[in-house]
Amino acid sequence: MICFGFATVPRSLADAGGYTGAMTLAIIVAICIVLLVLGFLLPRLSIWPQEGVDRTLGAGQKAGGHAPGPLGKLLSKGFGTSRRATNKSASAGRRGRGKLPL
């Protein structure tokens, strides 16, 4: 047990923040891979999952941007970078499919 002022918090809850950055990165990479494969295999049907991911990350980017000053820019930057990466991945899958000689 760790004591913060008058409240005691179990150690597992106090130490929970160790892997959040790595997990977020792994989730974004997995989404990029799924969008790349969908864009290659089903180019027309991959637009809807891409728009869903784009809308979700766009909402996070917009919410982060409402913070005042440089903090807003800092909070929205991660969402914007992830959004750009997922869009680039999906369009790369569609471009690769378009270059096939079929």
C-alpha atoms as a PDB file:
ATOM      1  CA  MET A   1       0.000   0.000   0.000  1.00  0.00           C
ATOM      2  CA  ILE A   2       1.179   3.472  -0.872  1.00  0.00           C
ATOM      3  CA  CYS A   3      -0.088   6.434   1.089  1.00  0.00           C
ATOM      4  CA  PHE A   4      -0.920   9.673  -0.751  1.00  0.00           C
ATOM      5  CA  GLY A   5      -2.007  12.187   1.870  1.00  0.00           C
ATOM      6  CA  PHE A   6      -4.990  10.627   3.603  1.00  0.00           C
ATOM      7  CA  ALA A   7      -5.802   8.083   0.880  1.00  0.00           C
ATOM      8  CA  THR A   8      -4.106   4.738   0.551  1.00  0.00           C
ATOM      9  CA  VAL A   9      -3.811   3.236  -2.913  1.00  0.00           C
ATOM     10  CA  PRO A  10      -2.936  -0.391  -3.631  1.00  0.00           C
ATOM     11  CA  ARG A  11       0.512  -0.761  -5.181  1.00  0.00           C
ATOM     12  CA  SER A  12      -0.898  -2.273  -8.400  1.00  0.00           C
ATOM     13  CA  LEU A  13      -2.944   0.875  -9.086  1.00  0.00           C
ATOM     14  CA  ALA A  14      -0.090   3.224  -8.223  1.00  0.00           C
ATOM     15  CA  ASP A  15       2.346   1.463 -10.586  1.00  0.00           C
ATOM     16  CA  ALA A  16      -0.110   0.969 -13.462  1.00  0.00           C
ATOM     17  CA  GLY A  17       1.395   3.683 -15.675  1.00  0.00           C
ATOM     18  CA  GLY A  18       4.558   1.828 -16.674  1.00  0.00           C
ATOM     19  CA  TYR A  19       3.471   0.330 -19.996  1.00  0.00           C
ATOM     20  CA  THR A  20       0.875   2.791 -21.254  1.00  0.00           C
ATOM     21  CA  GLY A  21       3.191   4.491 -23.769  1.00  0.00           C
ATOM     22  CA  ALA A  22       4.396   1.187 -25.197  1.00  0.00           C
ATOM     23  CA  MET A  23       0.863  -0.207 -25.355  1.00  0.00           C
ATOM     24  CA  THR A  24      -0.427   2.884 -27.148  1.00  0.00           C
ATOM     25  CA  LEU A  25       2.355   2.613 -29.695  1.00  0.00           C
ATOM     26  CA  ALA A  26       1.674  -1.105 -30.188  1.00  0.00           C
ATOM     27  CA  ILE A  27      -2.045  -0.429 -30.732  1.00  0.00           C
ATOM     28  CA  ILE A  28      -1.357   2.273 -33.338  1.00  0.00           C
ATOM     29  CA  VAL A  29       1.116  -0.015 -35.149  1.00  0.00           C
ATOM     30  CA  ALA A  30      -1.440  -2.850 -35.137  1.00  0.00           C
ATOM     31  CA  ILE A  31      -4.122  -0.532 -36.539  1.00  0.00           C
ATOM     32  CA  CYS A  32      -1.709   0.597 -39.274  1.00  0.00           C
ATOM     33  CA  ILE A  33      -0.972  -3.017 -40.232  1.00  0.00           C
ATOM     34  CA  VAL A  34      -4.678  -3.926 -40.317  1.00  0.00           C
ATOM     35  CA  LEU A  35      -5.469  -0.885 -42.483  1.00  0.00           C
ATOM     36  CA  LEU A  36      -2.557  -1.704 -44.805  1.00  0.00           C
ATOM     37  CA  VAL A  37      -3.772  -5.283 -45.292  1.00  0.00           C
ATOM     38  CA  LEU A  38      -7.383  -4.153 -45.733  1.00  0.00           C
ATOM     39  CA  GLY A  39      -6.307  -1.523 -48.251  1.00  0.00           C
ATOM     40  CA  PHE A  40      -4.413  -4.143 -50.223  1.00  0.00           C
ATOM     41  CA  LEU A  41      -7.011  -6.914 -50.119  1.00  0.00           C
ATOM     42  CA  LEU A  42     -10.247  -4.906 -50.167  1.00  0.00           C
ATOM     43  CA  PRO A  43      -9.440  -1.409 -51.433  1.00  0.00           C
ATOM     44  CA  ARG A  44     -12.988  -0.091 -51.657  1.00  0.00           C
ATOM     45  CA  LEU A  45     -14.142  -1.600 -48.384  1.00  0.00           C
ATOM     46  CA  SER A  46     -11.097  -0.329 -46.491  1.00  0.00           C
ATOM     47  CA  ILE A  47     -12.313   3.259 -46.678  1.00  0.00           C
ATOM     48  CA  TRP A  48     -14.887   2.804 -43.902  1.00  0.00           C
ATOM     49  CA  PRO A  49     -12.505   1.415 -41.244  1.00  0.00           C
ATOM     50  CA  GLN A  50     -10.025   4.139 -42.176  1.00  0.00           C
ATOM     51  CA  GLU A  51     -12.684   6.802 -41.690  1.00  0.00           C
ATOM     52  CA  GLY A  52     -13.657   5.292 -38.331  1.00  0.00           C
ATOM     53  CA  VAL A  53     -10.071   5.378 -37.077  1.00  0.00           C
ATOM     54  CA  ASP A  54      -9.627   8.865 -38.525  1.00  0.00           C
ATOM     55  CA  ARG A  55     -12.783  10.106 -36.795  1.00  0.00           C
ATOM     56  CA  THR A  56     -11.731   8.614 -33.453  1.00  0.00           C
ATOM     57  CA  LEU A  57      -8.218  10.014 -33.553  1.00  0.00           C
ATOM     58  CA  GLY A  58      -9.582  13.326 -34.836  1.00  0.00           C
ATOM     59  CA  ALA A  59     -11.841  13.600 -31.795  1.00  0.00           C
ATOM     60  CA  GLY A  60      -8.859  13.035 -29.515  1.00  0.00           C
ATOM     61  CA  GLN A  61      -6.839  15.582 -31.450  1.00  0.00           C
ATOM     62  CA  LYS A  62      -9.629  18.133 -31.197  1.00  0.00           C
ATOM     63  CA  ALA A  63     -10.099  17.530 -27.467  1.00  0.00           C
ATOM     64  CA  GLY A  64      -6.371  17.860 -26.847  1.00  0.00           C
ATOM     65  CA  GLY A  65      -6.277  21.061 -28.850  1.00  0.00           C
ATOM     66  CA  HIS A  66      -8.757  22.720 -26.487  1.00  0.00           C
ATOM     67  CA  ALA A  67      -6.150  22.881 -23.735  1.00  0.00           C
ATOM     68  CA  PRO A  68      -4.683  26.355 -23.323  1.00  0.00           C
ATOM     69  CA  GLY A  69      -1.433  27.502 -24.894  1.00  0.00           C
ATOM     70  CA  PRO A  70       1.439  25.182 -25.782  1.00  0.00           C
ATOM     71  CA  LEU A  71      -0.146  22.395 -23.729  1.00  0.00           C
ATOM     72  CA  GLY A  72      -2.942  22.108 -26.306  1.00  0.00           C
ATOM     73  CA  LYS A  73      -0.443  21.778 -29.112  1.00  0.00           C
ATOM     74  CA  LEU A  74       1.474  19.131 -27.173  1.00  0.00           C
ATOM     75  CA  LEU A  75      -1.637  17.101 -26.299  1.00  0.00           C
ATOM     76  CA  SER A  76      -3.015  17.134 -29.841  1.00  0.00           C
ATOM     77  CA  LYS A  77       0.318  16.323 -31.503  1.00  0.00           C
ATOM     78  CA  GLY A  78       0.299  12.602 -30.646  1.00  0.00           C
ATOM     79  CA  PHE A  79      -3.198  12.153 -32.031  1.00  0.00           C
ATOM     80  CA  GLY A  80      -2.316  14.058 -35.206  1.00  0.00           C
ATOM     81  CA  THR A  81       0.810  11.983 -35.806  1.00  0.00           C
ATOM     82  CA  SER A  82      -1.095   8.732 -35.262  1.00  0.00           C
ATOM     83  CA  ARG A  83      -3.868   9.933 -37.525  1.00  0.00           C
ATOM     84  CA  ARG A  84      -1.413  10.768 -40.307  1.00  0.00           C
ATOM     85  CA  ALA A  85       0.310   7.368 -39.929  1.00  0.00           C
ATOM     86  CA  THR A  86      -2.938   5.395 -40.179  1.00  0.00           C
ATOM     87  CA  ASN A  87      -4.101   7.366 -43.218  1.00  0.00           C
ATOM     88  CA  LYS A  88      -0.745   6.905 -44.914  1.00  0.00           C
ATOM     89  CA  SER A  89      -0.823   3.153 -44.203  1.00  0.00           C
ATOM     90  CA  ALA A  90      -4.292   2.673 -45.678  1.00  0.00           C
ATOM     91  CA  SER A  91      -3.502   4.711 -48.779  1.00  0.00           C
ATOM     92  CA  ALA A  92      -0.238   2.779 -49.266  1.00  0.00           C
ATOM     93  CA  GLY A  93      -2.209  -0.479 -49.283  1.00  0.00           C
ATOM     94  CA  ARG A  94      -4.588   0.873 -51.908  1.00  0.00           C
ATOM     95  CA  ARG A  95      -1.721   2.230 -54.011  1.00  0.00           C
ATOM     96  CA  GLY A  96       0.041  -1.146 -53.852  1.00  0.00           C
ATOM     97  CA  ARG A  97      -3.115  -2.904 -54.979  1.00  0.00           C
ATOM     98  CA  GLY A  98      -3.509  -0.417 -57.830  1.00  0.00           C
ATOM     99  CA  LYS A  99      -0.044  -1.258 -59.150  1.00  0.00           C
ATOM    100  CA  LEU A 100      -0.785  -4.974 -59.468  1.00  0.00           C
ATOM    101  CA  PRO A 101      -1.008  -6.152 -63.082  1.00  0.00           C
ATOM    102  CA  LEU A 102      -4.468  -7.697 -62.627  1.00  0.00           C
END
